[in-house]
């Protein structure tokens, strides 16, 4: 039962880490754009599009942990590890997508991806 509680904590954490990386990076980048004389809302939207993959990588703890979990699942027969890692990736993708939606709602920019 303790392992399941640890997984749920990681599952929720990966969502909010991805959300925070995307929101924080885009908003702080918008401040930098404002200080340099560029339109901040356009910069925030562009940054949010570029930060989605990095929010995902930050949330799952880097790529080596994910690769190790997949390797262990394939070669040692621990399919549960593969499933857990996929759920963590989906959670992080959800957090990044939520952050992107919040930024697009706030910026009201229609930028092509």
PDB file of N, CA and C in Angstrom:
ATOM      1  N   UNK A   1       0.817  -1.187   0.000  1.00  0.00           N
ATOM      2  CA  UNK A   1       0.000   0.000   0.000  1.00  0.00           C
ATOM      3  C   UNK A   1       0.865   1.257   0.000  1.00  0.00           C
ATOM      4  N   UNK A   2       2.045   1.180   0.610  1.00  0.00           N
ATOM      5  CA  UNK A   2       2.921   2.339   0.684  1.00  0.00           C
ATOM      6  C   UNK A   2       3.455   2.719  -0.698  1.00  0.00           C
ATOM      7  N   UNK A   3       3.747   1.710  -1.537  1.00  0.00           N
ATOM      8  CA  UNK A   3       4.224   1.997  -2.880  1.00  0.00           C
ATOM      9  C   UNK A   3       3.152   2.696  -3.705  1.00  0.00           C
ATOM     10  N   UNK A   4       1.900   2.275  -3.541  1.00  0.00           N
ATOM     11  CA  UNK A   4       0.820   2.908  -4.279  1.00  0.00           C
ATOM     12  C   UNK A   4       0.651   4.364  -3.860  1.00  0.00           C
ATOM     13  N   UNK A   5       0.789   4.639  -2.575  1.00  0.00           N
ATOM     14  CA  UNK A   5       0.706   6.022  -2.103  1.00  0.00           C
ATOM     15  C   UNK A   5       1.855   6.844  -2.680  1.00  0.00           C
ATOM     16  N   UNK A   6       3.037   6.260  -2.781  1.00  0.00           N
ATOM     17  CA  UNK A   6       4.174   6.941  -3.383  1.00  0.00           C
ATOM     18  C   UNK A   6       3.958   7.207  -4.856  1.00  0.00           C
ATOM     19  N   UNK A   7       3.338   6.261  -5.549  1.00  0.00           N
ATOM     20  CA  UNK A   7       3.053   6.465  -6.966  1.00  0.00           C
ATOM     21  C   UNK A   7       2.029   7.582  -7.161  1.00  0.00           C
ATOM     22  N   UNK A   8       0.989   7.591  -6.334  1.00  0.00           N
ATOM     23  CA  UNK A   8      -0.028   8.636  -6.466  1.00  0.00           C
ATOM     24  C   UNK A   8       0.560  10.015  -6.197  1.00  0.00           C
ATOM     25  N   UNK A   9       1.473  10.100  -5.237  1.00  0.00           N
ATOM     26  CA  UNK A   9       2.143  11.377  -4.975  1.00  0.00           C
ATOM     27  C   UNK A   9       2.973  11.803  -6.183  1.00  0.00           C
ATOM     28  N   UNK A  10       3.690  10.866  -6.788  1.00  0.00           N
ATOM     29  CA  UNK A  10       4.467  11.175  -7.992  1.00  0.00           C
ATOM     30  C   UNK A  10       3.569  11.542  -9.163  1.00  0.00           C
ATOM     31  N   UNK A  11       2.439  10.861  -9.280  1.00  0.00           N
ATOM     32  CA  UNK A  11       1.482  11.128 -10.358  1.00  0.00           C
ATOM     33  C   UNK A  11       0.956  12.559 -10.260  1.00  0.00           C
ATOM     34  N   UNK A  12       0.551  12.956  -9.060  1.00  0.00           N
ATOM     35  CA  UNK A  12       0.028  14.309  -8.860  1.00  0.00           C
ATOM     36  C   UNK A  12       1.147  15.338  -8.996  1.00  0.00           C
ATOM     37  N   UNK A  13       2.317  15.022  -8.460  1.00  0.00           N
ATOM     38  CA  UNK A  13       3.454  15.945  -8.552  1.00  0.00           C
ATOM     39  C   UNK A  13       3.874  16.191  -9.989  1.00  0.00           C
ATOM     40  N   UNK A  14       3.888  15.150 -10.810  1.00  0.00           N
ATOM     41  CA  UNK A  14       4.319  15.336 -12.197  1.00  0.00           C
ATOM     42  C   UNK A  14       3.361  16.261 -12.943  1.00  0.00           C
ATOM     43  N   UNK A  15       2.074  16.174 -12.639  1.00  0.00           N
ATOM     44  CA  UNK A  15       1.103  17.075 -13.265  1.00  0.00           C
ATOM     45  C   UNK A  15       1.412  18.531 -12.899  1.00  0.00           C
ATOM     46  N   UNK A  16       1.570  18.788 -11.595  1.00  0.00           N
ATOM     47  CA  UNK A  16       1.757  20.161 -11.156  1.00  0.00           C
ATOM     48  C   UNK A  16       3.145  20.698 -11.455  1.00  0.00           C
ATOM     49  N   UNK A  17       4.140  19.850 -11.533  1.00  0.00           N
ATOM     50  CA  UNK A  17       5.474  20.309 -11.930  1.00  0.00           C
ATOM     51  C   UNK A  17       5.447  20.775 -13.376  1.00  0.00           C
ATOM     52  N   UNK A  18       4.831  19.987 -14.256  1.00  0.00           N
ATOM     53  CA  UNK A  18       4.734  20.388 -15.667  1.00  0.00           C
ATOM     54  C   UNK A  18       3.932  21.678 -15.801  1.00  0.00           C
ATOM     55  N   UNK A  19       2.840  21.778 -15.051  1.00  0.00           N
ATOM     56  CA  UNK A  19       2.023  22.991 -15.080  1.00  0.00           C
ATOM     57  C   UNK A  19       2.839  24.203 -14.616  1.00  0.00           C
ATOM     58  N   UNK A  20       3.580  24.048 -13.536  1.00  0.00           N
ATOM     59  CA  UNK A  20       4.377  25.147 -13.005  1.00  0.00           C
ATOM     60  C   UNK A  20       5.525  25.550 -13.912  1.00  0.00           C
ATOM     61  N   UNK A  21       6.182  24.575 -14.530  1.00  0.00           N
ATOM     62  CA  UNK A  21       7.287  24.895 -15.442  1.00  0.00           C
ATOM     63  C   UNK A  21       6.764  25.698 -16.617  1.00  0.00           C
ATOM     64  N   UNK A  22       5.643  25.283 -17.172  1.00  0.00           N
ATOM     65  CA  UNK A  22       5.116  25.977 -18.329  1.00  0.00           C
ATOM     66  C   UNK A  22       4.607  27.374 -17.967  1.00  0.00           C
ATOM     67  N   UNK A  23       3.814  27.472 -16.916  1.00  0.00           N
ATOM     68  CA  UNK A  23       3.295  28.785 -16.518  1.00  0.00           C
ATOM     69  C   UNK A  23       4.411  29.726 -16.078  1.00  0.00           C
ATOM     70  N   UNK A  24       5.291  29.237 -15.238  1.00  0.00           N
ATOM     71  CA  UNK A  24       6.379  30.078 -14.751  1.00  0.00           C
ATOM     72  C   UNK A  24       7.318  30.520 -15.852  1.00  0.00           C
ATOM     73  N   UNK A  25       7.704  29.593 -16.699  1.00  0.00           N
ATOM     74  CA  UNK A  25       8.619  29.934 -17.789  1.00  0.00           C
ATOM     75  C   UNK A  25       8.017  30.930 -18.761  1.00  0.00           C
ATOM     76  N   UNK A  26       6.742  30.722 -19.112  1.00  0.00           N
ATOM     77  CA  UNK A  26       6.099  31.623 -20.058  1.00  0.00           C
ATOM     78  C   UNK A  26       5.897  33.008 -19.446  1.00  0.00           C
ATOM     79  N   UNK A  27       5.455  33.063 -18.186  1.00  0.00           N
ATOM     80  CA  UNK A  27       5.200  34.368 -17.574  1.00  0.00           C
ATOM     81  C   UNK A  27       6.492  35.145 -17.310  1.00  0.00           C
ATOM     82  N   UNK A  28       7.518  34.466 -16.839  1.00  0.00           N
ATOM     83  CA  UNK A  28       8.797  35.153 -16.610  1.00  0.00           C
ATOM     84  C   UNK A  28       9.412  35.571 -17.950  1.00  0.00           C
ATOM     85  N   UNK A  29       9.250  34.748 -18.975  1.00  0.00           N
ATOM     86  CA  UNK A  29       9.703  35.132 -20.312  1.00  0.00           C
ATOM     87  C   UNK A  29       8.951  36.338 -20.838  1.00  0.00           C
ATOM     88  N   UNK A  30       7.675  36.448 -20.483  1.00  0.00           N
ATOM     89  CA  UNK A  30       6.892  37.625 -20.869  1.00  0.00           C
ATOM     90  C   UNK A  30       7.399  38.893 -20.197  1.00  0.00           C
ATOM     91  N   UNK A  31       7.841  38.773 -18.951  1.00  0.00           N
ATOM     92  CA  UNK A  31       8.442  39.923 -18.266  1.00  0.00           C
ATOM     93  C   UNK A  31       9.719  40.347 -18.992  1.00  0.00           C
ATOM     94  N   UNK A  32      10.506  39.360 -19.384  1.00  0.00           N
ATOM     95  CA  UNK A  32      11.722  39.674 -20.136  1.00  0.00           C
ATOM     96  C   UNK A  32      11.423  40.323 -21.474  1.00  0.00           C
ATOM     97  N   UNK A  33      10.375  39.858 -22.148  1.00  0.00           N
ATOM     98  CA  UNK A  33       9.986  40.464 -23.422  1.00  0.00           C
ATOM     99  C   UNK A  33       9.532  41.909 -23.204  1.00  0.00           C
ATOM    100  N   UNK A  34       8.781  42.151 -22.137  1.00  0.00           N
ATOM    101  CA  UNK A  34       8.322  43.506 -21.827  1.00  0.00           C
ATOM    102  C   UNK A  34       9.505  44.439 -21.569  1.00  0.00           C
ATOM    103  N   UNK A  35      10.474  43.953 -20.794  1.00  0.00           N
ATOM    104  CA  UNK A  35      11.641  44.775 -20.475  1.00  0.00           C
ATOM    105  C   UNK A  35      12.510  45.060 -21.697  1.00  0.00           C
ATOM    106  N   UNK A  36      12.468  44.164 -22.690  1.00  0.00           N
ATOM    107  CA  UNK A  36      13.262  44.388 -23.893  1.00  0.00           C
ATOM    108  C   UNK A  36      12.474  45.083 -24.997  1.00  0.00           C
ATOM    109  N   UNK A  37      11.231  45.460 -24.730  1.00  0.00           N
ATOM    110  CA  UNK A  37      10.455  46.225 -25.695  1.00  0.00           C
ATOM    111  C   UNK A  37       9.663  45.398 -26.684  1.00  0.00           C
ATOM    112  N   UNK A  38       9.568  44.107 -26.482  1.00  0.00           N
ATOM    113  CA  UNK A  38       8.777  43.244 -27.367  1.00  0.00           C
ATOM    114  C   UNK A  38       7.367  43.100 -26.805  1.00  0.00           C
ATOM    115  N   UNK A  39       6.406  42.713 -27.653  1.00  0.00           N
ATOM    116  CA  UNK A  39       5.042  42.523 -27.133  1.00  0.00           C
ATOM    117  C   UNK A  39       4.981  41.308 -26.201  1.00  0.00           C
ATOM    118  N   UNK A  40       4.645  41.518 -24.926  1.00  0.00           N
ATOM    119  CA  UNK A  40       4.726  40.427 -23.950  1.00  0.00           C
ATOM    120  C   UNK A  40       3.724  39.297 -24.184  1.00  0.00           C
ATOM    121  N   UNK A  41       2.491  39.596 -24.598  1.00  0.00           N
ATOM    122  CA  UNK A  41       1.508  38.538 -24.774  1.00  0.00           C
ATOM    123  C   UNK A  41       1.878  37.610 -25.928  1.00  0.00           C
ATOM    124  N   UNK A  42       2.419  38.170 -26.988  1.00  0.00           N
ATOM    125  CA  UNK A  42       2.878  37.337 -28.099  1.00  0.00           C
ATOM    126  C   UNK A  42       4.055  36.470 -27.660  1.00  0.00           C
ATOM    127  N   UNK A  43       4.969  37.051 -26.891  1.00  0.00           N
ATOM    128  CA  UNK A  43       6.123  36.293 -26.399  1.00  0.00           C
ATOM    129  C   UNK A  43       5.686  35.179 -25.454  1.00  0.00           C
ATOM    130  N   UNK A  44       4.702  35.463 -24.588  1.00  0.00           N
ATOM    131  CA  UNK A  44       4.218  34.448 -23.660  1.00  0.00           C
ATOM    132  C   UNK A  44       3.620  33.270 -24.422  1.00  0.00           C
ATOM    133  N   UNK A  45       2.839  33.564 -25.451  1.00  0.00           N
ATOM    134  CA  UNK A  45       2.225  32.497 -26.241  1.00  0.00           C
ATOM    135  C   UNK A  45       3.274  31.669 -26.967  1.00  0.00           C
ATOM    136  N   UNK A  46       4.250  32.322 -27.557  1.00  0.00           N
ATOM    137  CA  UNK A  46       5.312  31.589 -28.259  1.00  0.00           C
ATOM    138  C   UNK A  46       6.125  30.744 -27.293  1.00  0.00           C
ATOM    139  N   UNK A  47       6.432  31.303 -26.129  1.00  0.00           N
ATOM    140  CA  UNK A  47       7.194  30.545 -25.129  1.00  0.00           C
ATOM    141  C   UNK A  47       6.409  29.340 -24.625  1.00  0.00           C
ATOM    142  N   UNK A  48       5.121  29.500 -24.426  1.00  0.00           N
ATOM    143  CA  UNK A  48       4.299  28.379 -23.959  1.00  0.00           C
ATOM    144  C   UNK A  48       4.329  27.237 -24.972  1.00  0.00           C
ATOM    145  N   UNK A  49       4.310  27.562 -26.261  1.00  0.00           N
ATOM    146  CA  UNK A  49       4.388  26.516 -27.283  1.00  0.00           C
ATOM    147  C   UNK A  49       5.725  25.794 -27.245  1.00  0.00           C
ATOM    148  N   UNK A  50       6.801  26.556 -27.002  1.00  0.00           N
ATOM    149  CA  UNK A  50       8.138  25.948 -26.990  1.00  0.00           C
ATOM    150  C   UNK A  50       8.454  25.212 -25.695  1.00  0.00           C
ATOM    151  N   UNK A  51       7.815  25.584 -24.591  1.00  0.00           N
ATOM    152  CA  UNK A  51       8.139  24.996 -23.295  1.00  0.00           C
ATOM    153  C   UNK A  51       7.388  23.700 -22.989  1.00  0.00           C
ATOM    154  N   UNK A  52       6.442  23.313 -23.829  1.00  0.00           N
ATOM    155  CA  UNK A  52       5.652  22.118 -23.523  1.00  0.00           C
ATOM    156  C   UNK A  52       6.529  20.879 -23.347  1.00  0.00           C
ATOM    157  N   UNK A  53       7.458  20.651 -24.237  1.00  0.00           N
ATOM    158  CA  UNK A  53       8.291  19.442 -24.154  1.00  0.00           C
ATOM    159  C   UNK A  53       9.218  19.517 -22.943  1.00  0.00           C
ATOM    160  N   UNK A  54       9.719  20.719 -22.620  1.00  0.00           N
ATOM    161  CA  UNK A  54      10.625  20.851 -21.493  1.00  0.00           C
ATOM    162  C   UNK A  54       9.895  20.693 -20.169  1.00  0.00           C
ATOM    163  N   UNK A  55       8.639  21.098 -20.139  1.00  0.00           N
ATOM    164  CA  UNK A  55       7.829  20.878 -18.933  1.00  0.00           C
ATOM    165  C   UNK A  55       7.624  19.385 -18.713  1.00  0.00           C
ATOM    166  N   UNK A  56       7.420  18.658 -19.793  1.00  0.00           N
ATOM    167  CA  UNK A  56       7.255  17.204 -19.710  1.00  0.00           C
ATOM    168  C   UNK A  56       8.526  16.543 -19.194  1.00  0.00           C
ATOM    169  N   UNK A  57       9.670  16.931 -19.728  1.00  0.00           N
ATOM    170  CA  UNK A  57      10.951  16.347 -19.306  1.00  0.00           C
ATOM    171  C   UNK A  57      11.240  16.680 -17.842  1.00  0.00           C
ATOM    172  N   UNK A  58      10.979  17.909 -17.438  1.00  0.00           N
ATOM    173  CA  UNK A  58      11.223  18.295 -16.045  1.00  0.00           C
ATOM    174  C   UNK A  58      10.305  17.530 -15.095  1.00  0.00           C
ATOM    175  N   UNK A  59       9.073  17.307 -15.506  1.00  0.00           N
ATOM    176  CA  UNK A  59       8.114  16.652 -14.620  1.00  0.00           C
ATOM    177  C   UNK A  59       8.423  15.178 -14.401  1.00  0.00           C
ATOM    178  N   UNK A  60       8.922  14.492 -15.422  1.00  0.00           N
ATOM    179  CA  UNK A  60       9.195  13.065 -15.238  1.00  0.00           C
ATOM    180  C   UNK A  60      10.596  12.825 -14.696  1.00  0.00           C
ATOM    181  N   UNK A  61      11.334  13.873 -14.403  1.00  0.00           N
ATOM    182  CA  UNK A  61      12.624  13.726 -13.755  1.00  0.00           C
ATOM    183  C   UNK A  61      13.760  13.431 -14.701  1.00  0.00           C
ATOM    184  N   UNK A  62      13.672  13.845 -15.923  1.00  0.00           N
ATOM    185  CA  UNK A  62      14.724  13.588 -16.893  1.00  0.00           C
ATOM    186  C   UNK A  62      14.435  12.318 -17.669  1.00  0.00           C
ATOM    187  N   UNK A  63      15.156  12.127 -18.740  1.00  0.00           N
ATOM    188  CA  UNK A  63      14.861  11.007 -19.626  1.00  0.00           C
ATOM    189  C   UNK A  63      15.486   9.695 -19.154  1.00  0.00           C
ATOM    190  N   UNK A  64      16.537   9.746 -18.354  1.00  0.00           N
ATOM    191  CA  UNK A  64      17.215   8.508 -17.977  1.00  0.00           C
ATOM    192  C   UNK A  64      16.376   7.640 -17.046  1.00  0.00           C
ATOM    193  N   UNK A  65      15.636   8.257 -16.142  1.00  0.00           N
ATOM    194  CA  UNK A  65      14.753   7.490 -15.272  1.00  0.00           C
ATOM    195  C   UNK A  65      13.673   6.780 -16.071  1.00  0.00           C
ATOM    196  N   UNK A  66      13.111   7.473 -17.044  1.00  0.00           N
ATOM    197  CA  UNK A  66      12.067   6.870 -17.872  1.00  0.00           C
ATOM    198  C   UNK A  66      12.631   5.714 -18.694  1.00  0.00           C
ATOM    199  N   UNK A  67      13.817   5.899 -19.263  1.00  0.00           N
ATOM    200  CA  UNK A  67      14.438   4.837 -20.061  1.00  0.00           C
ATOM    201  C   UNK A  67      14.770   3.641 -19.177  1.00  0.00           C
ATOM    202  N   UNK A  68      15.261   3.883 -17.966  1.00  0.00           N
ATOM    203  CA  UNK A  68      15.581   2.791 -17.047  1.00  0.00           C
ATOM    204  C   UNK A  68      14.319   2.012 -16.660  1.00  0.00           C
ATOM    205  N   UNK A  69      13.225   2.717 -16.431  1.00  0.00           N
ATOM    206  CA  UNK A  69      11.976   2.031 -16.091  1.00  0.00           C
ATOM    207  C   UNK A  69      11.474   1.183 -17.250  1.00  0.00           C
ATOM    208  N   UNK A  70      11.574   1.712 -18.467  1.00  0.00           N
ATOM    209  CA  UNK A  70      11.163   0.930 -19.628  1.00  0.00           C
ATOM    210  C   UNK A  70      12.060  -0.293 -19.811  1.00  0.00           C
ATOM    211  N   UNK A  71      13.370  -0.097 -19.612  1.00  0.00           N
ATOM    212  CA  UNK A  71      14.307  -1.216 -19.741  1.00  0.00           C
ATOM    213  C   UNK A  71      14.002  -2.302 -18.715  1.00  0.00           C
ATOM    214  N   UNK A  72      13.777  -1.907 -17.492  1.00  0.00           N
ATOM    215  CA  UNK A  72      13.467  -2.865 -16.440  1.00  0.00           C
ATOM    216  C   UNK A  72      12.156  -3.586 -16.750  1.00  0.00           C
ATOM    217  N   UNK A  73      11.198  -2.855 -17.274  1.00  0.00           N
ATOM    218  CA  UNK A  73       9.917  -3.470 -17.615  1.00  0.00           C
ATOM    219  C   UNK A  73      10.024  -4.467 -18.751  1.00  0.00           C
ATOM    220  N   UNK A  74      10.840  -4.159 -19.732  1.00  0.00           N
ATOM    221  CA  UNK A  74      10.969  -5.054 -20.881  1.00  0.00           C
ATOM    222  C   UNK A  74      11.841  -6.271 -20.590  1.00  0.00           C
ATOM    223  N   UNK A  75      13.009  -6.044 -19.989  1.00  0.00           N
ATOM    224  CA  UNK A  75      13.969  -7.127 -19.839  1.00  0.00           C
ATOM    225  C   UNK A  75      13.806  -7.936 -18.567  1.00  0.00           C
ATOM    226  N   UNK A  76      13.202  -7.360 -17.547  1.00  0.00           N
ATOM    227  CA  UNK A  76      13.007  -8.087 -16.302  1.00  0.00           C
ATOM    228  C   UNK A  76      11.553  -8.518 -16.116  1.00  0.00           C
ATOM    229  N   UNK A  77      10.719  -8.190 -17.071  1.00  0.00           N
ATOM    230  CA  UNK A  77       9.330  -8.617 -17.011  1.00  0.00           C
ATOM    231  C   UNK A  77       8.455  -7.827 -16.064  1.00  0.00           C
ATOM    232  N   UNK A  78       8.898  -6.657 -15.649  1.00  0.00           N
ATOM    233  CA  UNK A  78       8.102  -5.809 -14.759  1.00  0.00           C
ATOM    234  C   UNK A  78       7.216  -4.880 -15.588  1.00  0.00           C
ATOM    235  N   UNK A  79       6.135  -5.429 -16.107  1.00  0.00           N
ATOM    236  CA  UNK A  79       5.248  -4.617 -16.936  1.00  0.00           C
ATOM    237  C   UNK A  79       4.548  -3.533 -16.122  1.00  0.00           C
ATOM    238  N   UNK A  80       4.467  -3.727 -14.843  1.00  0.00           N
ATOM    239  CA  UNK A  80       3.861  -2.717 -13.981  1.00  0.00           C
ATOM    240  C   UNK A  80       4.676  -1.422 -14.013  1.00  0.00           C
ATOM    241  N   UNK A  81       6.011  -1.518 -14.101  1.00  0.00           N
ATOM    242  CA  UNK A  81       6.860  -0.332 -14.175  1.00  0.00           C
ATOM    243  C   UNK A  81       6.619   0.436 -15.469  1.00  0.00           C
ATOM    244  N   UNK A  82       6.433  -0.279 -16.566  1.00  0.00           N
ATOM    245  CA  UNK A  82       6.142   0.383 -17.835  1.00  0.00           C
ATOM    246  C   UNK A  82       4.820   1.132 -17.738  1.00  0.00           C
ATOM    247  N   UNK A  83       3.816   0.486 -17.185  1.00  0.00           N
ATOM    248  CA  UNK A  83       2.500   1.100 -17.048  1.00  0.00           C
ATOM    249  C   UNK A  83       2.556   2.336 -16.159  1.00  0.00           C
ATOM    250  N   UNK A  84       3.281   2.243 -15.054  1.00  0.00           N
ATOM    251  CA  UNK A  84       3.408   3.385 -14.148  1.00  0.00           C
ATOM    252  C   UNK A  84       4.122   4.547 -14.832  1.00  0.00           C
ATOM    253  N   UNK A  85       5.174   4.238 -15.582  1.00  0.00           N
ATOM    254  CA  UNK A  85       5.920   5.294 -16.264  1.00  0.00           C
ATOM    255  C   UNK A  85       5.061   5.959 -17.331  1.00  0.00           C
ATOM    256  N   UNK A  86       4.269   5.177 -18.040  1.00  0.00           N
ATOM    257  CA  UNK A  86       3.360   5.754 -19.035  1.00  0.00           C
ATOM    258  C   UNK A  86       2.324   6.656 -18.371  1.00  0.00           C
ATOM    259  N   UNK A  87       1.819   6.246 -17.218  1.00  0.00           N
ATOM    260  CA  UNK A  87       0.860   7.091 -16.503  1.00  0.00           C
ATOM    261  C   UNK A  87       1.508   8.393 -16.029  1.00  0.00           C
ATOM    262  N   UNK A  88       2.756   8.333 -15.595  1.00  0.00           N
ATOM    263  CA  UNK A  88       3.460   9.557 -15.188  1.00  0.00           C
ATOM    264  C   UNK A  88       3.660  10.494 -16.377  1.00  0.00           C
ATOM    265  N   UNK A  89       3.982   9.935 -17.534  1.00  0.00           N
ATOM    266  CA  UNK A  89       4.165  10.753 -18.735  1.00  0.00           C
ATOM    267  C   UNK A  89       2.843  11.385 -19.143  1.00  0.00           C
ATOM    268  N   UNK A  90       1.761  10.627 -19.075  1.00  0.00           N
ATOM    269  CA  UNK A  90       0.440  11.171 -19.423  1.00  0.00           C
ATOM    270  C   UNK A  90       0.046  12.272 -18.445  1.00  0.00           C
ATOM    271  N   UNK A  91       0.338  12.084 -17.172  1.00  0.00           N
ATOM    272  CA  UNK A  91       0.046  13.113 -16.175  1.00  0.00           C
ATOM    273  C   UNK A  91       0.829  14.386 -16.468  1.00  0.00           C
ATOM    274  N   UNK A  92       2.105  14.252 -16.798  1.00  0.00           N
ATOM    275  CA  UNK A  92       2.925  15.417 -17.118  1.00  0.00           C
ATOM    276  C   UNK A  92       2.435  16.096 -18.394  1.00  0.00           C
ATOM    277  N   UNK A  93       2.012  15.310 -19.371  1.00  0.00           N
ATOM    278  CA  UNK A  93       1.468  15.897 -20.593  1.00  0.00           C
ATOM    279  C   UNK A  93       0.191  16.675 -20.294  1.00  0.00           C
ATOM    280  N   UNK A  94      -0.627  16.145 -19.393  1.00  0.00           N
ATOM    281  CA  UNK A  94      -1.837  16.851 -18.990  1.00  0.00           C
ATOM    282  C   UNK A  94      -1.529  18.169 -18.311  1.00  0.00           C
ATOM    283  N   UNK A  95      -0.522  18.179 -17.451  1.00  0.00           N
ATOM    284  CA  UNK A  95      -0.122  19.421 -16.793  1.00  0.00           C
ATOM    285  C   UNK A  95       0.402  20.453 -17.771  1.00  0.00           C
ATOM    286  N   UNK A  96       1.208  20.014 -18.728  1.00  0.00           N
ATOM    287  CA  UNK A  96       1.734  20.934 -19.734  1.00  0.00           C
ATOM    288  C   UNK A  96       0.608  21.471 -20.616  1.00  0.00           C
ATOM    289  N   UNK A  97      -0.325  20.623 -20.986  1.00  0.00           N
ATOM    290  CA  UNK A  97      -1.449  21.058 -21.813  1.00  0.00           C
ATOM    291  C   UNK A  97      -2.347  22.026 -21.037  1.00  0.00           C
ATOM    292  N   UNK A  98      -2.564  21.768 -19.755  1.00  0.00           N
ATOM    293  CA  UNK A  98      -3.359  22.674 -18.933  1.00  0.00           C
ATOM    294  C   UNK A  98      -2.687  24.047 -18.847  1.00  0.00           C
ATOM    295  N   UNK A  99      -1.386  24.057 -18.641  1.00  0.00           N
ATOM    296  CA  UNK A  99      -0.646  25.321 -18.605  1.00  0.00           C
ATOM    297  C   UNK A  99      -0.743  26.067 -19.909  1.00  0.00           C
ATOM    298  N   UNK A 100      -0.631  25.339 -21.023  1.00  0.00           N
ATOM    299  CA  UNK A 100      -0.735  25.964 -22.340  1.00  0.00           C
ATOM    300  C   UNK A 100      -2.121  26.563 -22.545  1.00  0.00           C
ATOM    301  N   UNK A 101      -3.169  25.847 -22.104  1.00  0.00           N
ATOM    302  CA  UNK A 101      -4.530  26.376 -22.230  1.00  0.00           C
ATOM    303  C   UNK A 101      -4.726  27.631 -21.382  1.00  0.00           C
ATOM    304  N   UNK A 102      -4.196  27.635 -20.176  1.00  0.00           N
ATOM    305  CA  UNK A 102      -4.311  28.815 -19.315  1.00  0.00           C
ATOM    306  C   UNK A 102      -3.617  30.006 -19.961  1.00  0.00           C
ATOM    307  N   UNK A 103      -2.421  29.792 -20.494  1.00  0.00           N
ATOM    308  CA  UNK A 103      -1.694  30.879 -21.159  1.00  0.00           C
ATOM    309  C   UNK A 103      -2.466  31.361 -22.375  1.00  0.00           C
ATOM    310  N   UNK A 104      -3.000  30.448 -23.171  1.00  0.00           N
ATOM    311  CA  UNK A 104      -3.728  30.879 -24.373  1.00  0.00           C
ATOM    312  C   UNK A 104      -5.012  31.609 -24.011  1.00  0.00           C
ATOM    313  N   UNK A 105      -5.667  31.222 -22.918  1.00  0.00           N
ATOM    314  CA  UNK A 105      -6.852  31.948 -22.477  1.00  0.00           C
ATOM    315  C   UNK A 105      -6.507  33.343 -21.981  1.00  0.00           C
ATOM    316  N   UNK A 106      -5.418  33.436 -21.232  1.00  0.00           N
ATOM    317  CA  UNK A 106      -5.023  34.738 -20.694  1.00  0.00           C
ATOM    318  C   UNK A 106      -4.509  35.673 -21.783  1.00  0.00           C
ATOM    319  N   UNK A 107      -3.755  35.157 -22.722  1.00  0.00           N
ATOM    320  CA  UNK A 107      -3.145  35.985 -23.748  1.00  0.00           C
ATOM    321  C   UNK A 107      -4.121  36.341 -24.866  1.00  0.00           C
ATOM    322  N   UNK A 108      -5.113  35.495 -25.095  1.00  0.00           N
ATOM    323  CA  UNK A 108      -6.078  35.702 -26.168  1.00  0.00           C
ATOM    324  C   UNK A 108      -5.393  35.922 -27.516  1.00  0.00           C
ATOM    325  N   UNK A 109      -4.332  35.164 -27.750  1.00  0.00           N
ATOM    326  CA  UNK A 109      -3.600  35.223 -29.016  1.00  0.00           C
ATOM    327  C   UNK A 109      -3.958  34.001 -29.834  1.00  0.00           C
ATOM    328  N   UNK A 110      -4.160  34.165 -31.096  1.00  0.00           N
ATOM    329  CA  UNK A 110      -4.405  33.048 -32.003  1.00  0.00           C
ATOM    330  C   UNK A 110      -3.153  32.808 -32.819  1.00  0.00           C
ATOM    331  N   UNK A 111      -2.201  32.143 -32.192  1.00  0.00           N
ATOM    332  CA  UNK A 111      -0.922  31.869 -32.853  1.00  0.00           C
ATOM    333  C   UNK A 111      -0.926  30.448 -33.378  1.00  0.00           C
ATOM    334  N   UNK A 112      -0.482  30.243 -34.613  1.00  0.00           N
ATOM    335  CA  UNK A 112      -0.359  28.854 -35.072  1.00  0.00           C
ATOM    336  C   UNK A 112       0.747  28.135 -34.337  1.00  0.00           C
ATOM    337  N   UNK A 113       0.563  26.841 -34.052  1.00  0.00           N
ATOM    338  CA  UNK A 113       1.569  26.102 -33.307  1.00  0.00           C
ATOM    339  C   UNK A 113       2.716  25.798 -34.110  1.00  0.00           C
TER     340      UNK A 113
END
